[in-house]
């Protein structure tokens, strides 16, 4: 095994561990996205997600409340983790393709 092949294998292993770590973190966060709806002169936050073929909206709380702020933070974290997983999967593909050169 060449040095480069060893480095590629280590990088692939690290990438796969990161994917697994991000996916487990993603499971702990609530699904869906958070949006605000104005009713009269007040705004309220809701979480919307898909459950099978139906779309579910769950009331979070009034805009500006601690619940709404936490829901928004969870949504942003979920979005960040999803993007990281997407990028790592691309990196994983690239590494696997590079390792094919070495007969793997």
N, C-alpha and C. Protein backbone atom coordinates (compact mmCIF):
# COMPACT_ATOMS: atom_id res chain seq x y z
N UNK A 1 0.85 -1.17 0.00
CA UNK A 1 0.00 0.00 0.00
C UNK A 1 0.89 1.24 0.00
N UNK A 2 0.58 2.16 -0.89
CA UNK A 2 1.38 3.38 -0.99
C UNK A 2 0.96 4.36 0.11
N UNK A 3 1.77 5.36 0.31
CA UNK A 3 1.49 6.38 1.32
C UNK A 3 0.20 7.13 0.98
N UNK A 4 0.05 7.46 -0.29
CA UNK A 4 -1.13 8.19 -0.73
C UNK A 4 -2.40 7.37 -0.51
N UNK A 5 -2.33 6.08 -0.80
CA UNK A 5 -3.49 5.22 -0.57
C UNK A 5 -3.86 5.19 0.91
N UNK A 6 -2.85 5.12 1.77
CA UNK A 6 -3.09 5.12 3.21
C UNK A 6 -3.76 6.40 3.67
N UNK A 7 -3.29 7.52 3.15
CA UNK A 7 -3.88 8.82 3.50
C UNK A 7 -5.33 8.88 3.02
N UNK A 8 -5.58 8.40 1.81
CA UNK A 8 -6.95 8.41 1.28
C UNK A 8 -7.87 7.53 2.12
N UNK A 9 -7.39 6.37 2.54
CA UNK A 9 -8.20 5.48 3.38
C UNK A 9 -8.49 6.12 4.74
N UNK A 10 -7.51 6.77 5.34
CA UNK A 10 -7.72 7.45 6.61
C UNK A 10 -8.74 8.58 6.46
N UNK A 11 -8.62 9.31 5.39
CA UNK A 11 -9.54 10.43 5.13
C UNK A 11 -10.96 9.90 4.90
N UNK A 12 -11.08 8.79 4.19
CA UNK A 12 -12.39 8.19 3.96
C UNK A 12 -13.00 7.73 5.29
N UNK A 13 -12.21 7.12 6.13
CA UNK A 13 -12.69 6.66 7.43
C UNK A 13 -13.14 7.85 8.29
N UNK A 14 -12.35 8.92 8.29
CA UNK A 14 -12.69 10.12 9.06
C UNK A 14 -13.99 10.74 8.54
N UNK A 15 -14.13 10.79 7.22
CA UNK A 15 -15.34 11.34 6.61
C UNK A 15 -16.56 10.52 6.99
N UNK A 16 -16.45 9.20 6.94
CA UNK A 16 -17.58 8.34 7.29
C UNK A 16 -17.95 8.46 8.76
N UNK A 17 -16.97 8.63 9.65
CA UNK A 17 -17.26 8.84 11.06
C UNK A 17 -17.98 10.17 11.27
N UNK A 18 -17.56 11.20 10.54
CA UNK A 18 -18.21 12.51 10.65
C UNK A 18 -19.65 12.44 10.17
N UNK A 19 -19.89 11.72 9.08
CA UNK A 19 -21.25 11.56 8.57
C UNK A 19 -22.12 10.90 9.62
N UNK A 20 -21.63 9.82 10.22
CA UNK A 20 -22.40 9.11 11.25
C UNK A 20 -22.67 10.02 12.45
N UNK A 21 -21.69 10.80 12.84
CA UNK A 21 -21.84 11.71 13.97
C UNK A 21 -22.90 12.77 13.68
N UNK A 22 -22.83 13.37 12.50
CA UNK A 22 -23.81 14.40 12.13
C UNK A 22 -25.21 13.80 12.02
N UNK A 23 -25.32 12.59 11.47
CA UNK A 23 -26.63 11.97 11.34
C UNK A 23 -27.25 11.68 12.70
N UNK A 24 -26.44 11.25 13.66
CA UNK A 24 -26.99 10.99 15.00
C UNK A 24 -27.40 12.29 15.67
N UNK A 25 -26.64 13.36 15.46
CA UNK A 25 -27.01 14.67 16.00
C UNK A 25 -28.30 15.17 15.35
N UNK A 26 -28.47 14.88 14.09
CA UNK A 26 -29.66 15.30 13.36
C UNK A 26 -30.92 14.63 13.91
N UNK A 27 -30.79 13.38 14.36
CA UNK A 27 -31.93 12.65 14.90
C UNK A 27 -32.46 13.27 16.20
N UNK A 28 -31.60 13.98 16.92
CA UNK A 28 -32.02 14.58 18.19
C UNK A 28 -32.77 15.90 17.99
N UNK A 29 -32.73 16.44 16.78
CA UNK A 29 -33.40 17.72 16.52
C UNK A 29 -34.79 17.49 15.92
N UNK A 30 -35.73 18.39 16.20
CA UNK A 30 -37.06 18.26 15.62
C UNK A 30 -37.03 18.47 14.10
N UNK A 31 -37.90 17.75 13.41
CA UNK A 31 -37.97 17.86 11.95
C UNK A 31 -38.69 19.14 11.54
N UNK A 32 -38.55 19.48 10.24
CA UNK A 32 -39.32 20.56 9.66
C UNK A 32 -38.65 21.91 9.74
N UNK A 33 -39.39 22.91 9.30
CA UNK A 33 -38.88 24.28 9.32
C UNK A 33 -39.82 25.16 10.14
N UNK A 34 -39.30 26.27 10.58
CA UNK A 34 -40.05 27.18 11.44
C UNK A 34 -40.46 28.40 10.62
N UNK A 35 -41.72 28.79 10.77
CA UNK A 35 -42.18 29.99 10.07
C UNK A 35 -43.08 30.81 11.00
N UNK A 36 -43.20 32.06 10.65
CA UNK A 36 -44.03 32.99 11.42
C UNK A 36 -45.32 33.26 10.68
N UNK A 37 -46.39 33.34 11.43
CA UNK A 37 -47.67 33.69 10.83
C UNK A 37 -48.27 34.83 11.63
N UNK A 38 -48.68 35.87 10.93
CA UNK A 38 -49.26 37.03 11.60
C UNK A 38 -50.78 36.86 11.61
N UNK A 39 -51.33 36.96 12.80
CA UNK A 39 -52.78 36.88 12.97
C UNK A 39 -53.19 38.14 13.73
N UNK A 40 -53.93 38.97 13.04
CA UNK A 40 -54.29 40.27 13.62
C UNK A 40 -53.03 41.11 13.72
N UNK A 41 -52.74 41.59 14.91
CA UNK A 41 -51.53 42.40 15.09
C UNK A 41 -50.43 41.63 15.82
N UNK A 42 -50.60 40.33 15.99
CA UNK A 42 -49.60 39.50 16.68
C UNK A 42 -49.03 38.45 15.74
N UNK A 43 -47.79 38.03 16.00
CA UNK A 43 -47.13 37.00 15.20
C UNK A 43 -46.93 35.75 16.05
N UNK A 44 -47.10 34.61 15.40
CA UNK A 44 -46.94 33.32 16.06
C UNK A 44 -46.02 32.43 15.24
N UNK A 45 -45.27 31.58 15.91
CA UNK A 45 -44.35 30.67 15.24
C UNK A 45 -44.93 29.27 15.19
N UNK A 46 -44.69 28.62 14.05
CA UNK A 46 -45.14 27.26 13.84
C UNK A 46 -43.98 26.45 13.24
N UNK A 47 -44.02 25.16 13.49
CA UNK A 47 -43.07 24.23 12.87
C UNK A 47 -43.89 23.40 11.88
N UNK A 48 -43.39 23.30 10.66
CA UNK A 48 -44.09 22.56 9.62
C UNK A 48 -43.19 21.44 9.13
N UNK A 49 -43.76 20.24 9.01
CA UNK A 49 -43.00 19.09 8.51
C UNK A 49 -43.94 18.11 7.82
N UNK A 50 -43.36 17.21 7.07
CA UNK A 50 -44.12 16.21 6.33
C UNK A 50 -44.17 14.92 7.14
N UNK A 51 -45.36 14.34 7.23
CA UNK A 51 -45.56 13.05 7.90
C UNK A 51 -46.29 12.15 6.92
N UNK A 52 -45.49 11.35 6.18
CA UNK A 52 -46.07 10.54 5.12
C UNK A 52 -46.49 11.44 3.98
N UNK A 53 -47.78 11.37 3.63
CA UNK A 53 -48.28 12.21 2.54
C UNK A 53 -48.87 13.53 3.04
N UNK A 54 -49.01 13.67 4.34
CA UNK A 54 -49.62 14.90 4.86
C UNK A 54 -48.56 15.85 5.41
N UNK A 55 -48.92 17.11 5.45
CA UNK A 55 -48.06 18.15 6.01
C UNK A 55 -48.65 18.57 7.35
N UNK A 56 -47.82 18.58 8.38
CA UNK A 56 -48.26 18.87 9.73
C UNK A 56 -47.68 20.21 10.18
N UNK A 57 -48.52 21.06 10.76
CA UNK A 57 -48.07 22.31 11.36
C UNK A 57 -48.31 22.22 12.85
N UNK A 58 -47.26 22.52 13.62
CA UNK A 58 -47.35 22.46 15.08
C UNK A 58 -47.07 23.85 15.63
N UNK A 59 -47.93 24.30 16.51
CA UNK A 59 -47.77 25.60 17.14
C UNK A 59 -46.57 25.56 18.07
N UNK A 60 -45.67 26.55 17.96
CA UNK A 60 -44.49 26.63 18.81
C UNK A 60 -44.71 27.64 19.92
N UNK A 61 -45.18 28.82 19.57
CA UNK A 61 -45.42 29.87 20.56
C UNK A 61 -45.42 31.22 19.89
N UNK A 62 -45.67 32.26 20.66
CA UNK A 62 -45.65 33.60 20.08
C UNK A 62 -44.23 33.97 19.64
N UNK A 63 -44.14 34.76 18.59
CA UNK A 63 -42.83 35.20 18.11
C UNK A 63 -42.12 35.95 19.22
N UNK A 64 -40.82 35.68 19.36
CA UNK A 64 -40.04 36.35 20.38
C UNK A 64 -39.99 35.59 21.70
N UNK A 65 -40.83 34.58 21.85
CA UNK A 65 -40.81 33.80 23.10
C UNK A 65 -39.59 32.88 23.10
N UNK A 66 -39.26 32.35 24.26
CA UNK A 66 -38.12 31.44 24.38
C UNK A 66 -38.32 30.19 23.53
N UNK A 67 -39.56 29.69 23.49
CA UNK A 67 -39.85 28.50 22.68
C UNK A 67 -39.61 28.77 21.20
N UNK A 68 -40.04 29.94 20.74
CA UNK A 68 -39.86 30.30 19.33
C UNK A 68 -38.38 30.49 19.02
N UNK A 69 -37.64 31.12 19.92
CA UNK A 69 -36.20 31.32 19.70
C UNK A 69 -35.48 29.98 19.64
N UNK A 70 -35.84 29.06 20.54
CA UNK A 70 -35.22 27.73 20.55
C UNK A 70 -35.57 26.95 19.29
N UNK A 71 -36.82 27.05 18.84
CA UNK A 71 -37.25 26.37 17.62
C UNK A 71 -36.46 26.89 16.42
N UNK A 72 -36.24 28.19 16.37
CA UNK A 72 -35.47 28.78 15.28
C UNK A 72 -34.01 28.33 15.33
N UNK A 73 -33.43 28.27 16.54
CA UNK A 73 -32.06 27.78 16.68
C UNK A 73 -31.95 26.32 16.25
N UNK A 74 -32.93 25.51 16.65
CA UNK A 74 -32.94 24.09 16.24
C UNK A 74 -33.03 23.96 14.73
N UNK A 75 -33.88 24.79 14.12
CA UNK A 75 -34.03 24.75 12.67
C UNK A 75 -32.72 25.11 11.97
N UNK A 76 -32.05 26.16 12.46
CA UNK A 76 -30.77 26.58 11.85
C UNK A 76 -29.71 25.50 12.03
N UNK A 77 -29.69 24.85 13.18
CA UNK A 77 -28.72 23.78 13.43
C UNK A 77 -29.01 22.58 12.52
N UNK A 78 -30.28 22.25 12.35
CA UNK A 78 -30.67 21.15 11.46
C UNK A 78 -30.24 21.45 10.02
N UNK A 79 -30.44 22.67 9.60
CA UNK A 79 -30.05 23.10 8.26
C UNK A 79 -28.53 23.00 8.08
N UNK A 80 -27.77 23.43 9.10
CA UNK A 80 -26.30 23.37 9.05
C UNK A 80 -25.82 21.93 8.98
N UNK A 81 -26.40 21.06 9.81
CA UNK A 81 -26.00 19.66 9.81
C UNK A 81 -26.33 18.98 8.49
N UNK A 82 -27.49 19.29 7.93
CA UNK A 82 -27.88 18.71 6.65
C UNK A 82 -26.92 19.12 5.55
N UNK A 83 -26.52 20.37 5.54
CA UNK A 83 -25.56 20.86 4.54
C UNK A 83 -24.20 20.19 4.73
N UNK A 84 -23.77 20.04 5.97
CA UNK A 84 -22.50 19.36 6.24
C UNK A 84 -22.53 17.91 5.77
N UNK A 85 -23.64 17.22 6.02
CA UNK A 85 -23.77 15.83 5.57
C UNK A 85 -23.71 15.77 4.05
N UNK A 86 -24.39 16.68 3.39
CA UNK A 86 -24.39 16.71 1.92
C UNK A 86 -22.96 16.88 1.39
N UNK A 87 -22.22 17.81 1.98
CA UNK A 87 -20.84 18.05 1.55
C UNK A 87 -19.93 16.86 1.85
N UNK A 88 -20.13 16.24 3.00
CA UNK A 88 -19.31 15.06 3.34
C UNK A 88 -19.61 13.87 2.43
N UNK A 89 -20.86 13.73 2.03
CA UNK A 89 -21.20 12.63 1.10
C UNK A 89 -20.50 12.84 -0.26
N UNK A 90 -20.41 14.09 -0.70
CA UNK A 90 -19.69 14.39 -1.94
C UNK A 90 -18.21 14.05 -1.77
N UNK A 91 -17.66 14.41 -0.62
CA UNK A 91 -16.26 14.12 -0.33
C UNK A 91 -16.03 12.61 -0.27
N UNK A 92 -16.98 11.90 0.33
CA UNK A 92 -16.89 10.44 0.41
C UNK A 92 -16.87 9.82 -0.99
N UNK A 93 -17.75 10.29 -1.85
CA UNK A 93 -17.77 9.81 -3.25
C UNK A 93 -16.43 10.04 -3.93
N UNK A 94 -15.88 11.23 -3.75
CA UNK A 94 -14.61 11.57 -4.38
C UNK A 94 -13.49 10.67 -3.87
N UNK A 95 -13.47 10.40 -2.57
CA UNK A 95 -12.44 9.55 -2.00
C UNK A 95 -12.57 8.10 -2.49
N UNK A 96 -13.80 7.61 -2.55
CA UNK A 96 -14.02 6.24 -3.05
C UNK A 96 -13.56 6.14 -4.49
N UNK A 97 -13.88 7.14 -5.27
CA UNK A 97 -13.46 7.16 -6.68
C UNK A 97 -11.93 7.18 -6.79
N UNK A 98 -11.29 7.94 -5.92
CA UNK A 98 -9.82 8.00 -5.93
C UNK A 98 -9.21 6.67 -5.52
N UNK A 99 -9.84 5.98 -4.57
CA UNK A 99 -9.31 4.69 -4.11
C UNK A 99 -9.49 3.57 -5.14
N UNK A 100 -10.41 3.74 -6.05
CA UNK A 100 -10.61 2.72 -7.12
C UNK A 100 -9.34 2.56 -7.96
N UNK A 101 -8.59 3.62 -8.04
CA UNK A 101 -7.32 3.59 -8.79
C UNK A 101 -6.37 2.57 -8.19
N UNK A 102 -6.49 2.32 -6.88
CA UNK A 102 -5.60 1.41 -6.19
C UNK A 102 -6.16 -0.01 -6.12
N UNK A 103 -7.20 -0.28 -6.88
CA UNK A 103 -7.74 -1.63 -6.95
C UNK A 103 -8.74 -1.95 -5.86
N UNK A 104 -9.32 -0.94 -5.23
CA UNK A 104 -10.29 -1.16 -4.16
C UNK A 104 -11.69 -1.10 -4.67
